[in-house]
C-alpha atoms as a PDB file:
ATOM      1  CA  UNK A   1      -0.258  -0.165   0.098  1.00  0.00           C
ATOM      2  CA  UNK A   2       2.468   2.780  -1.319  1.00  0.00           C
ATOM      3  CA  UNK A   3       1.566   6.122  -0.474  1.00  0.00           C
ATOM      4  CA  UNK A   4      -0.895   4.851   2.166  1.00  0.00           C
ATOM      5  CA  UNK A   5      -0.113   6.606   5.896  1.00  0.00           C
ATOM      6  CA  UNK A   6      -2.026   6.012   8.771  1.00  0.00           C
ATOM      7  CA  UNK A   7      -2.491   6.431  12.255  1.00  0.00           C
ATOM      8  CA  UNK A   8      -5.010   4.437  14.754  1.00  0.00           C
ATOM      9  CA  UNK A   9      -5.863   3.863  17.772  1.00  0.00           C
ATOM     10  CA  UNK A  10      -6.193   0.867  19.855  1.00  0.00           C
ATOM     11  CA  UNK A  11      -7.825  -0.562  22.644  1.00  0.00           C
ATOM     12  CA  UNK A  12      -7.185  -3.505  24.985  1.00  0.00           C
ATOM     13  CA  UNK A  13      -9.536  -6.033  25.461  1.00  0.00           C
ATOM     14  CA  UNK A  14      -8.504  -6.455  29.412  1.00  0.00           C
ATOM     15  CA  UNK A  15      -7.852  -3.081  30.168  1.00  0.00           C
ATOM     16  CA  UNK A  16     -10.330  -0.399  29.326  1.00  0.00           C
ATOM     17  CA  UNK A  17      -8.299   2.912  31.034  1.00  0.00           C
ATOM     18  CA  UNK A  18      -5.922   4.873  29.807  1.00  0.00           C
ATOM     19  CA  UNK A  19      -2.918   2.398  29.443  1.00  0.00           C
ATOM     20  CA  UNK A  20      -4.744  -0.161  28.080  1.00  0.00           C
ATOM     21  CA  UNK A  21      -4.791   2.381  24.627  1.00  0.00           C
ATOM     22  CA  UNK A  22      -1.968   2.700  22.255  1.00  0.00           C
ATOM     23  CA  UNK A  23      -1.814   5.268  19.129  1.00  0.00           C
ATOM     24  CA  UNK A  24       0.383   4.686  16.496  1.00  0.00           C
ATOM     25  CA  UNK A  25       1.436   4.952  12.880  1.00  0.00           C
ATOM     26  CA  UNK A  26       1.043   2.559  10.052  1.00  0.00           C
ATOM     27  CA  UNK A  27       1.262   1.369   6.340  1.00  0.00           C
ATOM     28  CA  UNK A  28      -0.409  -1.626   6.319  1.00  0.00           C
ATOM     29  CA  UNK A  29      -3.044  -1.830   9.223  1.00  0.00           C
ATOM     30  CA  UNK A  30      -4.238  -4.964   8.758  1.00  0.00           C
ATOM     31  CA  UNK A  31      -0.309  -6.251   9.620  1.00  0.00           C
ATOM     32  CA  UNK A  32       0.337  -4.235  12.344  1.00  0.00           C
ATOM     33  CA  UNK A  33      -2.609  -5.438  14.280  1.00  0.00           C
ATOM     34  CA  UNK A  34      -1.113  -9.268  13.610  1.00  0.00           C
ATOM     35  CA  UNK A  35       1.468  -7.605  15.104  1.00  0.00           C
ATOM     36  CA  UNK A  36       0.373  -5.983  18.274  1.00  0.00           C
ATOM     37  CA  UNK A  37      -0.851  -9.318  19.102  1.00  0.00           C
ATOM     38  CA  UNK A  38       2.126 -11.461  18.528  1.00  0.00           C
ATOM     39  CA  UNK A  39       0.901 -13.597  15.622  1.00  0.00           C
ATOM     40  CA  UNK A  40       3.303 -11.587  13.195  1.00  0.00           C
ATOM     41  CA  UNK A  41       6.975 -10.624  14.125  1.00  0.00           C
ATOM     42  CA  UNK A  42       7.417  -6.409  14.526  1.00  0.00           C
ATOM     43  CA  UNK A  43       4.631  -5.323  17.629  1.00  0.00           C
ATOM     44  CA  UNK A  44       5.444  -2.650  19.797  1.00  0.00           C
ATOM     45  CA  UNK A  45       7.093  -3.989  23.188  1.00  0.00           C
ATOM     46  CA  UNK A  46       5.176  -1.530  25.197  1.00  0.00           C
ATOM     47  CA  UNK A  47       1.923  -3.201  23.903  1.00  0.00           C
ATOM     48  CA  UNK A  48       2.559  -6.952  25.222  1.00  0.00           C
ATOM     49  CA  UNK A  49       1.351  -6.643  28.518  1.00  0.00           C
ATOM     50  CA  UNK A  50      -1.958  -5.926  27.545  1.00  0.00           C
ATOM     51  CA  UNK A  51      -2.702  -7.614  24.712  1.00  0.00           C
ATOM     52  CA  UNK A  52      -4.713  -8.842  23.141  1.00  0.00           C
ATOM     53  CA  UNK A  53      -5.529  -5.906  21.132  1.00  0.00           C
ATOM     54  CA  UNK A  54      -9.072  -4.449  18.995  1.00  0.00           C
ATOM     55  CA  UNK A  55      -7.956  -1.865  16.441  1.00  0.00           C
ATOM     56  CA  UNK A  56     -10.481   0.666  17.279  1.00  0.00           C
ATOM     57  CA  UNK A  57      -9.648   3.171  14.267  1.00  0.00           C
ATOM     58  CA  UNK A  58      -8.019   4.642  11.565  1.00  0.00           C
ATOM     59  CA  UNK A  59      -7.186   8.069  10.537  1.00  0.00           C
ATOM     60  CA  UNK A  60      -5.773   8.466   6.827  1.00  0.00           C
ATOM     61  CA  UNK A  61      -5.055   9.688   4.047  1.00  0.00           C
ATOM     62  CA  UNK A  62      -1.895  11.971   5.053  1.00  0.00           C
ATOM     63  CA  UNK A  63      -0.466  13.304   2.169  1.00  0.00           C
ATOM     64  CA  UNK A  64       3.135  12.331   3.584  1.00  0.00           C
ATOM     65  CA  UNK A  65       4.792  10.223   5.767  1.00  0.00           C
ATOM     66  CA  UNK A  66       6.202  12.909   7.828  1.00  0.00           C
ATOM     67  CA  UNK A  67       2.330  14.546   8.344  1.00  0.00           C
ATOM     68  CA  UNK A  68       1.241  11.490   9.931  1.00  0.00           C
ATOM     69  CA  UNK A  69       4.258  10.727  11.905  1.00  0.00           C
ATOM     70  CA  UNK A  70       3.637  14.235  13.084  1.00  0.00           C
ATOM     71  CA  UNK A  71      -0.100  13.698  13.777  1.00  0.00           C
ATOM     72  CA  UNK A  72       0.524  10.478  15.582  1.00  0.00           C
ATOM     73  CA  UNK A  73       2.634  12.496  18.034  1.00  0.00           C
ATOM     74  CA  UNK A  74       0.354  14.948  18.566  1.00  0.00           C
ATOM     75  CA  UNK A  75      -2.125  12.355  19.546  1.00  0.00           C
ATOM     76  CA  UNK A  76      -0.109  11.050  22.086  1.00  0.00           C
ATOM     77  CA  UNK A  77       1.168  14.332  23.328  1.00  0.00           C
ATOM     78  CA  UNK A  78      -1.917  16.872  23.397  1.00  0.00           C
ATOM     79  CA  UNK A  79      -0.052  18.297  26.836  1.00  0.00           C
ATOM     80  CA  UNK A  80       2.647  19.481  24.738  1.00  0.00           C
ATOM     81  CA  UNK A  81       1.803  20.101  21.146  1.00  0.00           C
ATOM     82  CA  UNK A  82       1.858  23.225  20.247  1.00  0.00           C
ATOM     83  CA  UNK A  83      -1.700  23.083  18.261  1.00  0.00           C
ATOM     84  CA  UNK A  84      -3.416  21.016  21.405  1.00  0.00           C
ATOM     85  CA  UNK A  85      -1.627  21.911  24.301  1.00  0.00           C
ATOM     86  CA  UNK A  86      -3.818  25.443  25.113  1.00  0.00           C
ATOM     87  CA  UNK A  87      -7.274  22.793  25.674  1.00  0.00           C
ATOM     88  CA  UNK A  88      -7.698  21.666  29.407  1.00  0.00           C
ATOM     89  CA  UNK A  89      -6.586  17.910  28.623  1.00  0.00           C
ATOM     90  CA  UNK A  90      -7.803  15.330  31.847  1.00  0.00           C
ATOM     91  CA  UNK A  91      -9.513  12.396  31.570  1.00  0.00           C
ATOM     92  CA  UNK A  92     -12.914  12.046  33.438  1.00  0.00           C
ATOM     93  CA  UNK A  93     -13.394  10.062  35.849  1.00  0.00           C
ATOM     94  CA  UNK A  94     -16.721   8.599  33.944  1.00  0.00           C
ATOM     95  CA  UNK A  95     -14.313   7.855  30.258  1.00  0.00           C
ATOM     96  CA  UNK A  96     -13.008   4.699  29.385  1.00  0.00           C
ATOM     97  CA  UNK A  97      -9.524   5.171  28.146  1.00  0.00           C
ATOM     98  CA  UNK A  98     -10.626   4.690  24.499  1.00  0.00           C
ATOM     99  CA  UNK A  99     -13.244   7.697  25.217  1.00  0.00           C
ATOM    100  CA  UNK A 100     -10.876  10.371  25.813  1.00  0.00           C
ATOM    101  CA  UNK A 101      -8.485   9.536  23.383  1.00  0.00           C
ATOM    102  CA  UNK A 102     -11.169   9.843  20.778  1.00  0.00           C
ATOM    103  CA  UNK A 103     -12.190  13.018  22.232  1.00  0.00           C
ATOM    104  CA  UNK A 104      -8.701  14.015  21.803  1.00  0.00           C
ATOM    105  CA  UNK A 105      -8.851  13.432  18.038  1.00  0.00           C
ATOM    106  CA  UNK A 106     -12.288  14.919  17.494  1.00  0.00           C
ATOM    107  CA  UNK A 107     -10.614  18.175  18.473  1.00  0.00           C
ATOM    108  CA  UNK A 108      -7.250  17.725  16.548  1.00  0.00           C
ATOM    109  CA  UNK A 109      -9.220  17.486  13.401  1.00  0.00           C
ATOM    110  CA  UNK A 110     -10.963  20.513  13.918  1.00  0.00           C
ATOM    111  CA  UNK A 111      -7.170  22.249  14.465  1.00  0.00           C
ATOM    112  CA  UNK A 112      -5.099  23.529  12.024  1.00  0.00           C
ATOM    113  CA  UNK A 113      -3.595  22.194  10.043  1.00  0.00           C
ATOM    114  CA  UNK A 114      -5.073  19.204   9.932  1.00  0.00           C
ATOM    115  CA  UNK A 115      -8.654  20.714   9.479  1.00  0.00           C
ATOM    116  CA  UNK A 116      -7.851  20.902   6.099  1.00  0.00           C
ATOM    117  CA  UNK A 117      -6.338  17.888   4.796  1.00  0.00           C
ATOM    118  CA  UNK A 118      -8.468  15.576   3.347  1.00  0.00           C
ATOM    119  CA  UNK A 119      -8.062  12.264   5.823  1.00  0.00           C
ATOM    120  CA  UNK A 120     -11.218   9.715   6.347  1.00  0.00           C
ATOM    121  CA  UNK A 121     -11.721   8.736   9.567  1.00  0.00           C
ATOM    122  CA  UNK A 122     -12.553   4.965   9.552  1.00  0.00           C
ATOM    123  CA  UNK A 123     -13.822   2.853  12.496  1.00  0.00           C
ATOM    124  CA  UNK A 124     -12.274  -0.657  12.505  1.00  0.00           C
ATOM    125  CA  UNK A 125     -14.966  -2.040  15.400  1.00  0.00           C
ATOM    126  CA  UNK A 126     -18.545  -0.258  15.127  1.00  0.00           C
ATOM    127  CA  UNK A 127     -19.051  -1.299  19.236  1.00  0.00           C
ATOM    128  CA  UNK A 128     -16.613   1.528  19.857  1.00  0.00           C
ATOM    129  CA  UNK A 129     -17.881   4.560  17.615  1.00  0.00           C
ATOM    130  CA  UNK A 130     -18.112   7.852  19.659  1.00  0.00           C
ATOM    131  CA  UNK A 131     -19.866  10.954  17.732  1.00  0.00           C
ATOM    132  CA  UNK A 132     -17.664  13.029  16.345  1.00  0.00           C
ATOM    133  CA  UNK A 133     -17.803  16.126  14.314  1.00  0.00           C
ATOM    134  CA  UNK A 134     -14.854  16.190  11.482  1.00  0.00           C
ATOM    135  CA  UNK A 135     -14.962  19.223   8.736  1.00  0.00           C
ATOM    136  CA  UNK A 136     -17.636  18.140   6.467  1.00  0.00           C
ATOM    137  CA  UNK A 137     -15.228  17.426   3.535  1.00  0.00           C
ATOM    138  CA  UNK A 138     -13.987  14.626   5.892  1.00  0.00           C
ATOM    139  CA  UNK A 139     -15.522  11.487   5.207  1.00  0.00           C
ATOM    140  CA  UNK A 140     -16.420   8.785   8.611  1.00  0.00           C
ATOM    141  CA  UNK A 141     -16.161   5.298   7.374  1.00  0.00           C
ATOM    142  CA  UNK A 142     -16.355   1.559   8.810  1.00  0.00           C
ATOM    143  CA  UNK A 143     -15.196  -1.313   7.930  1.00  0.00           C
ATOM    144  CA  UNK A 144     -11.770  -2.733   7.368  1.00  0.00           C
ATOM    145  CA  UNK A 145      -9.370  -0.658   4.808  1.00  0.00           C
ATOM    146  CA  UNK A 146      -9.999  -1.211   0.678  1.00  0.00           C
ATOM    147  CA  UNK A 147      -7.276  -2.926  -0.766  1.00  0.00           C
ATOM    148  CA  UNK A 148      -5.424  -1.072  -4.036  1.00  0.00           C
ATOM    149  CA  UNK A 149      -8.049  -1.151  -6.827  1.00  0.00           C
ATOM    150  CA  UNK A 150      -6.495  -2.869  -9.727  1.00  0.00           C
ATOM    151  CA  UNK A 151      -8.571  -0.818 -12.232  1.00  0.00           C
ATOM    152  CA  UNK A 152      -7.343   2.483 -10.403  1.00  0.00           C
ATOM    153  CA  UNK A 153      -3.666   0.912 -10.611  1.00  0.00           C
ATOM    154  CA  UNK A 154      -4.547   0.510 -14.488  1.00  0.00           C
ATOM    155  CA  UNK A 155      -6.024   3.525 -14.955  1.00  0.00           C
ATOM    156  CA  UNK A 156      -3.297   6.200 -13.593  1.00  0.00           C
ATOM    157  CA  UNK A 157      -0.761   4.553 -16.612  1.00  0.00           C
ATOM    158  CA  UNK A 158      -2.144   5.807 -18.872  1.00  0.00           C
ATOM    159  CA  UNK A 159      -2.229   9.039 -17.862  1.00  0.00           C
ATOM    160  CA  UNK A 160       1.283  10.725 -18.438  1.00  0.00           C
ATOM    161  CA  UNK A 161       0.116  13.385 -20.120  1.00  0.00           C
ATOM    162  CA  UNK A 162       0.273  17.472 -20.081  1.00  0.00           C
ATOM    163  CA  UNK A 163      -1.566  19.501 -17.135  1.00  0.00           C
ATOM    164  CA  UNK A 164      -4.166  21.536 -18.390  1.00  0.00           C
ATOM    165  CA  UNK A 165      -3.169  24.448 -16.211  1.00  0.00           C
ATOM    166  CA  UNK A 166       0.880  24.574 -17.038  1.00  0.00           C
ATOM    167  CA  UNK A 167       0.523  22.602 -20.503  1.00  0.00           C
ATOM    168  CA  UNK A 168       4.517  20.653 -18.939  1.00  0.00           C
ATOM    169  CA  UNK A 169       4.580  17.027 -18.617  1.00  0.00           C
ATOM    170  CA  UNK A 170       2.844  15.411 -15.811  1.00  0.00           C
ATOM    171  CA  UNK A 171       4.282  12.001 -14.297  1.00  0.00           C
ATOM    172  CA  UNK A 172       2.455   9.349 -11.970  1.00  0.00           C
ATOM    173  CA  UNK A 173       3.742  11.160  -8.681  1.00  0.00           C
ATOM    174  CA  UNK A 174       2.751  14.494  -9.397  1.00  0.00           C
ATOM    175  CA  UNK A 175      -0.324  14.309 -11.414  1.00  0.00           C
ATOM    176  CA  UNK A 176      -3.747  14.966  -9.889  1.00  0.00           C
ATOM    177  CA  UNK A 177      -7.060  14.022 -12.178  1.00  0.00           C
ATOM    178  CA  UNK A 178     -10.730  15.464 -12.196  1.00  0.00           C
ATOM    179  CA  UNK A 179     -13.177  12.821 -10.773  1.00  0.00           C
ATOM    180  CA  UNK A 180     -15.731  13.079 -13.298  1.00  0.00           C
ATOM    181  CA  UNK A 181     -13.575  13.198 -16.799  1.00  0.00           C
ATOM    182  CA  UNK A 182     -10.023  12.559 -15.550  1.00  0.00           C
ATOM    183  CA  UNK A 183      -8.205  15.433 -16.856  1.00  0.00           C
ATOM    184  CA  UNK A 184      -5.192  15.633 -15.581  1.00  0.00           C
ATOM    185  CA  UNK A 185      -3.115  18.477 -14.021  1.00  0.00           C
ATOM    186  CA  UNK A 186       0.040  18.910 -11.565  1.00  0.00           C
ATOM    187  CA  UNK A 187      -1.103  18.649  -7.931  1.00  0.00           C
ATOM    188  CA  UNK A 188       0.664  21.731  -6.919  1.00  0.00           C
ATOM    189  CA  UNK A 189      -0.827  23.440 -10.229  1.00  0.00           C
ATOM    190  CA  UNK A 190      -4.232  22.940  -9.312  1.00  0.00           C
ATOM    191  CA  UNK A 191      -3.711  23.513  -5.492  1.00  0.00           C
ATOM    192  CA  UNK A 192      -2.163  26.817  -5.972  1.00  0.00           C
ATOM    193  CA  UNK A 193      -5.381  28.125  -8.234  1.00  0.00           C
ATOM    194  CA  UNK A 194      -7.830  26.615  -5.608  1.00  0.00           C
ATOM    195  CA  UNK A 195      -6.029  27.899  -2.762  1.00  0.00           C
ATOM    196  CA  UNK A 196      -6.985  31.556  -1.040  1.00  0.00           C
ATOM    197  CA  UNK A 197      -4.412  33.647   0.501  1.00  0.00           C
ATOM    198  CA  UNK A 198      -3.836  32.084   3.934  1.00  0.00           C
ATOM    199  CA  UNK A 199      -4.770  28.602   2.479  1.00  0.00           C
ATOM    200  CA  UNK A 200      -1.814  25.782   2.347  1.00  0.00           C
ATOM    201  CA  UNK A 201      -4.554  23.218   1.047  1.00  0.00           C
ATOM    202  CA  UNK A 202      -7.814  23.512  -1.006  1.00  0.00           C
ATOM    203  CA  UNK A 203     -11.132  22.220   0.180  1.00  0.00           C
ATOM    204  CA  UNK A 204     -12.793  22.461  -3.273  1.00  0.00           C
ATOM    205  CA  UNK A 205     -12.867  24.275  -6.720  1.00  0.00           C
ATOM    206  CA  UNK A 206     -14.345  23.726 -10.421  1.00  0.00           C
ATOM    207  CA  UNK A 207     -12.655  22.219 -12.452  1.00  0.00           C
ATOM    208  CA  UNK A 208     -10.930  24.448 -15.019  1.00  0.00           C
ATOM    209  CA  UNK A 209     -11.198  22.314 -17.706  1.00  0.00           C
ATOM    210  CA  UNK A 210     -14.488  20.399 -17.234  1.00  0.00           C
ATOM    211  CA  UNK A 211     -15.872  22.784 -15.602  1.00  0.00           C
ATOM    212  CA  UNK A 212     -17.242  20.122 -12.860  1.00  0.00           C
ATOM    213  CA  UNK A 213     -17.140  20.637  -9.023  1.00  0.00           C
ATOM    214  CA  UNK A 214     -15.107  18.725  -7.702  1.00  0.00           C
ATOM    215  CA  UNK A 215     -14.004  18.150  -3.623  1.00  0.00           C
ATOM    216  CA  UNK A 216     -10.069  18.165  -3.446  1.00  0.00           C
ATOM    217  CA  UNK A 217     -10.112  14.717  -0.586  1.00  0.00           C
ATOM    218  CA  UNK A 218     -11.905  13.177  -3.390  1.00  0.00           C
ATOM    219  CA  UNK A 219      -9.188  13.635  -6.177  1.00  0.00           C
ATOM    220  CA  UNK A 220      -6.609  13.268  -3.745  1.00  0.00           C
ATOM    221  CA  UNK A 221      -8.672   9.770  -2.240  1.00  0.00           C
ATOM    222  CA  UNK A 222      -8.742   8.619  -6.475  1.00  0.00           C
ATOM    223  CA  UNK A 223      -4.882   9.747  -6.611  1.00  0.00           C
ATOM    224  CA  UNK A 224      -4.027   7.619  -3.702  1.00  0.00           C
ATOM    225  CA  UNK A 225      -5.765   4.512  -4.644  1.00  0.00           C
ATOM    226  CA  UNK A 226      -3.785   5.101  -7.761  1.00  0.00           C
ATOM    227  CA  UNK A 227      -0.425   4.977  -6.719  1.00  0.00           C
ATOM    228  CA  UNK A 228      -1.029   2.569  -3.796  1.00  0.00           C
ATOM    229  CA  UNK A 229       0.299  -0.414  -5.379  1.00  0.00           C
ATOM    230  CA  UNK A 230       3.279   1.856  -7.669  1.00  0.00           C
ATOM    231  CA  UNK A 231       6.651   2.220  -6.655  1.00  0.00           C
ATOM    232  CA  UNK A 232       7.331   5.352  -5.038  1.00  0.00           C
ATOM    233  CA  UNK A 233       9.958   7.872  -6.412  1.00  0.00           C
ATOM    234  CA  UNK A 234      12.353   9.740  -3.866  1.00  0.00           C
ATOM    235  CA  UNK A 235      11.723  13.445  -4.245  1.00  0.00           C
ATOM    236  CA  UNK A 236      10.080  16.676  -2.877  1.00  0.00           C
ATOM    237  CA  UNK A 237       6.451  15.919  -2.138  1.00  0.00           C
ATOM    238  CA  UNK A 238       3.972  18.609  -4.063  1.00  0.00           C
ATOM    239  CA  UNK A 239       2.585  19.763  -0.230  1.00  0.00           C
ATOM    240  CA  UNK A 240       6.696  20.810   0.990  1.00  0.00           C
ATOM    241  CA  UNK A 241       6.550  22.020  -2.424  1.00  0.00           C
ATOM    242  CA  UNK A 242       3.282  24.557  -1.785  1.00  0.00           C
ATOM    243  CA  UNK A 243       5.852  26.460   1.002  1.00  0.00           C
ATOM    244  CA  UNK A 244       8.469  27.577  -1.268  1.00  0.00           C
END
């Protein structure tokens, strides 16, 4: 699942306190829960004591590995994160450890910079579901993470043409595609056209080619599904180029 970056929440089946929760980063959620439950090698040592574990949820569709790891650290350390420390963080006596962690997550999804990301909140276990209020462009799903769509993988290999905005050649890593008609653009070109003065990532816009309204998050999801099984190229990610 190349290009897939997820931050997940675990809950111990034998301890519902805060110590019975774990937050981590992964590119393979299915394999990671097997590792934590000692069915495969590689699980974190700190989770061995309270195994077996349930994977409660994943937040995925981060644009880069680094952005996923930053989110993971902030979720683990809300009291010192510069984005979250101004809130009062104390677990209520009536809350389970999972409920407290979900409350932190809910605040994170509403906070910059994550409220601009095209994230997907995915509940893996319905029995742990709690009310969430993410931004409208963030879908909330239930069920296992989908594997790469072979049709999308083959589709992206066909689009190696010119960006409609700058007329330069696009590549597999830098291209992004209109949901309706697969009009092609450099991700940076389209993001800069749709962004306001103080925005880093857009929420939505009108396709400059076919004039259909598009959600940026949906375009990124198509891109992510299409490139999951393609070998990643060592280069600067387009989100980092926007800062220059």
